[in-house]
Amino acid sequence: MRSKGESEVNKTKRKIFNTAVKLFAEKGYDNASTEEITAIAGVAKGSLYYHFSKKEDIFDMMLKEGMDLLKNSVEIKTKKCNTALDKVKAVILIEIKVMFKYEDFVNVVLSQIWGSEERSKKCRCAVFEYIKVLEGIVQEGIENGEFYESDVEATASAIFGVTVSSLLYRLKKNREVDVERVYKGFIDSVTRTLSKNT
């Protein structure tokens, strides 16, 4: 069991982290200063450096936590599915939910994915590692005769891309949108493209 002191430390660290991610999403990573992060979080600058040696450490924690959440959710849900198509459907629903619930995280990753900086390389590596999970599902569907033959990497990337576009839809609407409605709209087109049985 954690002591009260440990709990306060973790609470402060999470407060700094959440503030930083929000600022990264709103202003861009480079424009979000440590001074602004600590001011908005309401903590001393020393507290930030106690928990994170540099701003990049906050980014690394965000990337790891966000991608782990996505991969773990997919793993848990797809274990219960009997067919590759059911797995794809589960993945798309999870992705849309994550895109909407953790919009700041997704915006930061997508804004940083382009470029030659180390941060961009980390983002690409994390996203490509996740897409590998989707490639396995697509390959399974092709091998068991559920899906049409296709370029596995391109198809897996397209599945991820379809759900990323749901954020654009939300931005266009400029309001909360119905996750189930968005999911049904996407899943119909994806199912028709992939499945031999539709």
Protein backbone atom coordinates (compact mmCIF):
# COMPACT_ATOMS: atom_id res chain seq x y z
CA MET A 1 0.00 0.00 0.00
CA ARG A 2 1.31 3.46 -0.90
CA SER A 3 1.97 6.03 1.79
CA LYS A 4 0.27 9.42 1.75
CA GLY A 5 3.57 10.99 0.67
CA GLU A 6 3.89 8.66 -2.33
CA SER A 7 0.29 9.37 -3.29
CA GLU A 8 0.92 13.15 -3.26
CA VAL A 9 4.07 12.72 -5.36
CA ASN A 10 2.19 10.67 -7.97
CA LYS A 11 -0.69 13.17 -7.93
CA THR A 12 1.72 16.06 -8.63
CA LYS A 13 3.46 14.13 -11.38
CA ARG A 14 0.11 13.33 -13.03
CA LYS A 15 -0.99 16.96 -12.75
CA ILE A 16 2.19 18.15 -14.49
CA PHE A 17 1.82 15.41 -17.12
CA ASN A 18 -1.84 16.16 -17.92
CA THR A 19 -1.19 19.91 -18.13
CA ALA A 20 1.79 19.37 -20.45
CA VAL A 21 -0.13 17.06 -22.82
CA LYS A 22 -2.97 19.60 -23.04
CA LEU A 23 -0.51 22.39 -23.83
CA PHE A 24 1.36 20.23 -26.37
CA ALA A 25 -1.97 19.67 -28.15
CA GLU A 26 -3.06 23.31 -28.01
CA LYS A 27 0.21 25.13 -28.74
CA GLY A 28 2.51 22.50 -30.21
CA TYR A 29 5.34 20.77 -28.38
CA ASP A 30 7.97 23.39 -29.20
CA ASN A 31 5.77 26.32 -28.13
CA ALA A 32 4.81 24.81 -24.76
CA SER A 33 7.43 25.99 -22.26
CA THR A 34 8.20 24.37 -18.92
CA GLU A 35 7.42 27.74 -17.30
CA GLU A 36 3.90 27.70 -18.76
CA ILE A 37 3.38 24.05 -17.81
CA THR A 38 4.28 24.69 -14.17
CA ALA A 39 2.26 27.94 -14.02
CA ILE A 40 -0.91 26.30 -15.33
CA ALA A 41 -0.38 23.14 -13.25
CA GLY A 42 0.12 25.35 -10.19
CA VAL A 43 3.39 23.72 -9.13
CA ALA A 44 6.91 24.99 -8.60
CA LYS A 45 9.38 24.57 -11.43
CA GLY A 46 11.47 22.39 -9.14
CA SER A 47 8.54 19.95 -8.91
CA LEU A 48 8.59 19.46 -12.68
CA TYR A 49 12.31 18.70 -12.65
CA TYR A 50 11.88 16.39 -9.67
CA HIS A 51 9.54 14.20 -11.73
CA PHE A 52 10.90 14.81 -15.23
CA SER A 53 14.52 15.67 -16.00
CA LYS A 54 13.44 17.47 -19.18
CA LYS A 55 10.35 18.28 -21.24
CA GLU A 56 11.14 15.40 -23.61
CA ASP A 57 10.58 12.95 -20.71
CA ILE A 58 6.96 14.11 -20.47
CA PHE A 59 6.55 13.50 -24.19
CA ASP A 60 8.08 10.01 -23.90
CA MET A 61 5.75 9.13 -21.02
CA MET A 62 2.75 10.36 -23.02
CA LEU A 63 3.73 8.33 -26.08
CA LYS A 64 4.32 5.14 -24.09
CA GLU A 65 1.14 5.43 -21.98
CA GLY A 66 -1.06 6.26 -24.96
CA MET A 67 0.22 3.53 -27.25
CA ASP A 68 0.20 0.95 -24.43
CA LEU A 69 -3.43 1.82 -23.72
CA LEU A 70 -4.34 1.35 -27.38
CA LYS A 71 -2.42 -1.93 -27.80
CA ASN A 72 -3.65 -3.41 -24.52
CA SER A 73 -7.28 -2.51 -25.30
CA VAL A 74 -6.99 -4.14 -28.73
CA GLU A 75 -5.36 -7.26 -27.29
CA ILE A 76 -8.06 -7.70 -24.62
CA LYS A 77 -10.98 -7.15 -27.03
CA THR A 78 -9.67 -9.21 -29.96
CA LYS A 79 -8.98 -12.25 -27.74
CA LYS A 80 -12.76 -12.63 -27.41
CA CYS A 81 -13.36 -12.50 -31.19
CA ASN A 82 -13.84 -15.65 -33.27
CA THR A 83 -13.12 -14.22 -36.73
CA ALA A 84 -10.63 -11.78 -38.24
CA LEU A 85 -13.54 -9.58 -39.34
CA ASP A 86 -14.83 -9.41 -35.77
CA LYS A 87 -11.31 -8.42 -34.69
CA VAL A 88 -11.18 -5.62 -37.26
CA LYS A 89 -14.58 -4.37 -36.07
CA ALA A 90 -13.38 -4.43 -32.45
CA VAL A 91 -10.19 -2.57 -33.40
CA ILE A 92 -12.06 0.17 -35.25
CA LEU A 93 -14.44 0.75 -32.33
CA ILE A 94 -11.54 0.90 -29.85
CA GLU A 95 -9.59 3.28 -32.06
CA ILE A 96 -12.53 5.66 -32.49
CA LYS A 97 -13.16 5.66 -28.72
CA VAL A 98 -9.48 6.35 -28.00
CA MET A 99 -9.35 9.09 -30.67
CA PHE A 100 -12.29 10.88 -29.06
CA LYS A 101 -11.52 10.25 -25.38
CA TYR A 102 -7.79 11.01 -25.63
CA GLU A 103 -7.95 13.60 -28.38
CA ASP A 104 -5.05 15.66 -26.98
CA PHE A 105 -2.76 12.63 -27.03
CA VAL A 106 -3.72 11.74 -30.61
CA ASN A 107 -3.30 15.34 -31.80
CA VAL A 108 0.18 15.55 -30.32
CA VAL A 109 1.30 12.25 -31.85
CA LEU A 110 -0.09 13.12 -35.29
CA SER A 111 1.45 16.59 -35.19
CA GLN A 112 4.86 15.17 -34.33
CA ILE A 113 4.89 12.14 -36.66
CA TRP A 114 6.33 14.07 -39.63
CA GLY A 115 9.92 15.26 -39.72
CA SER A 116 13.42 14.02 -39.04
CA GLU A 117 13.77 14.92 -35.36
CA GLU A 118 14.21 12.16 -32.78
CA ARG A 119 10.72 12.89 -31.42
CA SER A 120 9.20 12.34 -34.88
CA LYS A 121 11.08 9.06 -35.24
CA LYS A 122 9.76 7.90 -31.86
CA CYS A 123 6.19 8.70 -32.94
CA ARG A 124 6.55 6.87 -36.25
CA CYS A 125 8.11 3.87 -34.53
CA ALA A 126 5.26 3.70 -31.98
CA VAL A 127 2.54 4.04 -34.64
CA PHE A 128 4.18 1.51 -36.99
CA GLU A 129 4.58 -0.93 -34.10
CA TYR A 130 0.86 -0.61 -33.43
CA ILE A 131 -0.01 -1.03 -37.12
CA LYS A 132 1.96 -4.32 -37.01
CA VAL A 133 -0.78 -5.62 -34.70
CA LEU A 134 -3.36 -4.75 -37.37
CA GLU A 135 -1.21 -6.40 -40.04
CA GLY A 136 -1.41 -9.66 -38.09
CA ILE A 137 -5.22 -9.49 -38.06
CA VAL A 138 -5.40 -8.70 -41.79
CA GLN A 139 -2.97 -11.53 -42.59
CA GLU A 140 -5.08 -13.92 -40.51
CA GLY A 141 -8.20 -12.91 -42.45
CA ILE A 142 -6.49 -13.49 -45.80
CA GLU A 143 -5.05 -16.85 -44.76
CA ASN A 144 -8.36 -18.21 -43.48
CA GLY A 145 -10.23 -17.03 -46.58
CA GLU A 146 -12.31 -14.31 -44.90
CA PHE A 147 -10.61 -11.38 -46.64
CA TYR A 148 -9.67 -10.62 -50.21
CA GLU A 149 -5.99 -10.80 -51.09
CA SER A 150 -4.36 -7.42 -50.53
CA ASP A 151 -1.16 -5.66 -49.53
CA VAL A 152 -1.24 -6.38 -45.79
CA GLU A 153 0.77 -3.31 -44.76
CA ALA A 154 -1.31 -0.95 -46.89
CA THR A 155 -4.59 -2.44 -45.64
CA ALA A 156 -3.56 -2.24 -41.98
CA SER A 157 -2.42 1.37 -42.47
CA ALA A 158 -5.74 2.18 -44.16
CA ILE A 159 -7.70 0.76 -41.21
CA PHE A 160 -5.75 3.04 -38.87
CA GLY A 161 -6.15 5.96 -41.28
CA VAL A 162 -9.92 5.52 -41.45
CA THR A 163 -10.26 6.00 -37.72
CA VAL A 164 -7.82 8.92 -37.65
CA SER A 165 -10.15 10.65 -40.09
CA SER A 166 -12.89 10.46 -37.45
CA LEU A 167 -11.03 13.24 -35.62
CA LEU A 168 -11.29 15.44 -38.71
CA TYR A 169 -15.02 14.76 -38.77
CA ARG A 170 -15.27 15.79 -35.13
CA LEU A 171 -13.25 18.95 -35.76
CA LYS A 172 -15.51 19.82 -38.68
CA LYS A 173 -18.61 19.34 -36.54
CA ASN A 174 -16.90 21.26 -33.69
CA ARG A 175 -18.87 19.31 -31.09
CA GLU A 176 -19.20 15.89 -29.47
CA VAL A 177 -20.25 13.24 -31.96
CA ASP A 178 -21.98 9.89 -31.57
CA VAL A 179 -19.24 7.23 -31.43
CA GLU A 180 -21.60 4.42 -32.44
CA ARG A 181 -22.84 6.37 -35.45
CA VAL A 182 -19.29 7.14 -36.61
CA TYR A 183 -18.31 3.50 -36.04
CA LYS A 184 -21.25 2.15 -38.07
CA GLY A 185 -20.45 4.50 -40.92
CA PHE A 186 -16.83 3.37 -41.06
CA ILE A 187 -17.41 -0.32 -40.46
CA ASP A 188 -19.80 -0.68 -43.41
CA SER A 189 -17.22 0.58 -45.90
CA VAL A 190 -14.34 -1.33 -44.31
CA THR A 191 -16.36 -4.58 -44.25
CA ARG A 192 -17.32 -4.24 -47.91
CA THR A 193 -13.68 -3.63 -48.85
CA LEU A 194 -12.17 -6.47 -46.84
CA SER A 195 -14.69 -9.27 -46.47
CA LYS A 196 -15.56 -11.90 -49.07
CA ASN A 197 -18.80 -12.61 -47.24
CA THR A 198 -20.58 -9.29 -47.77
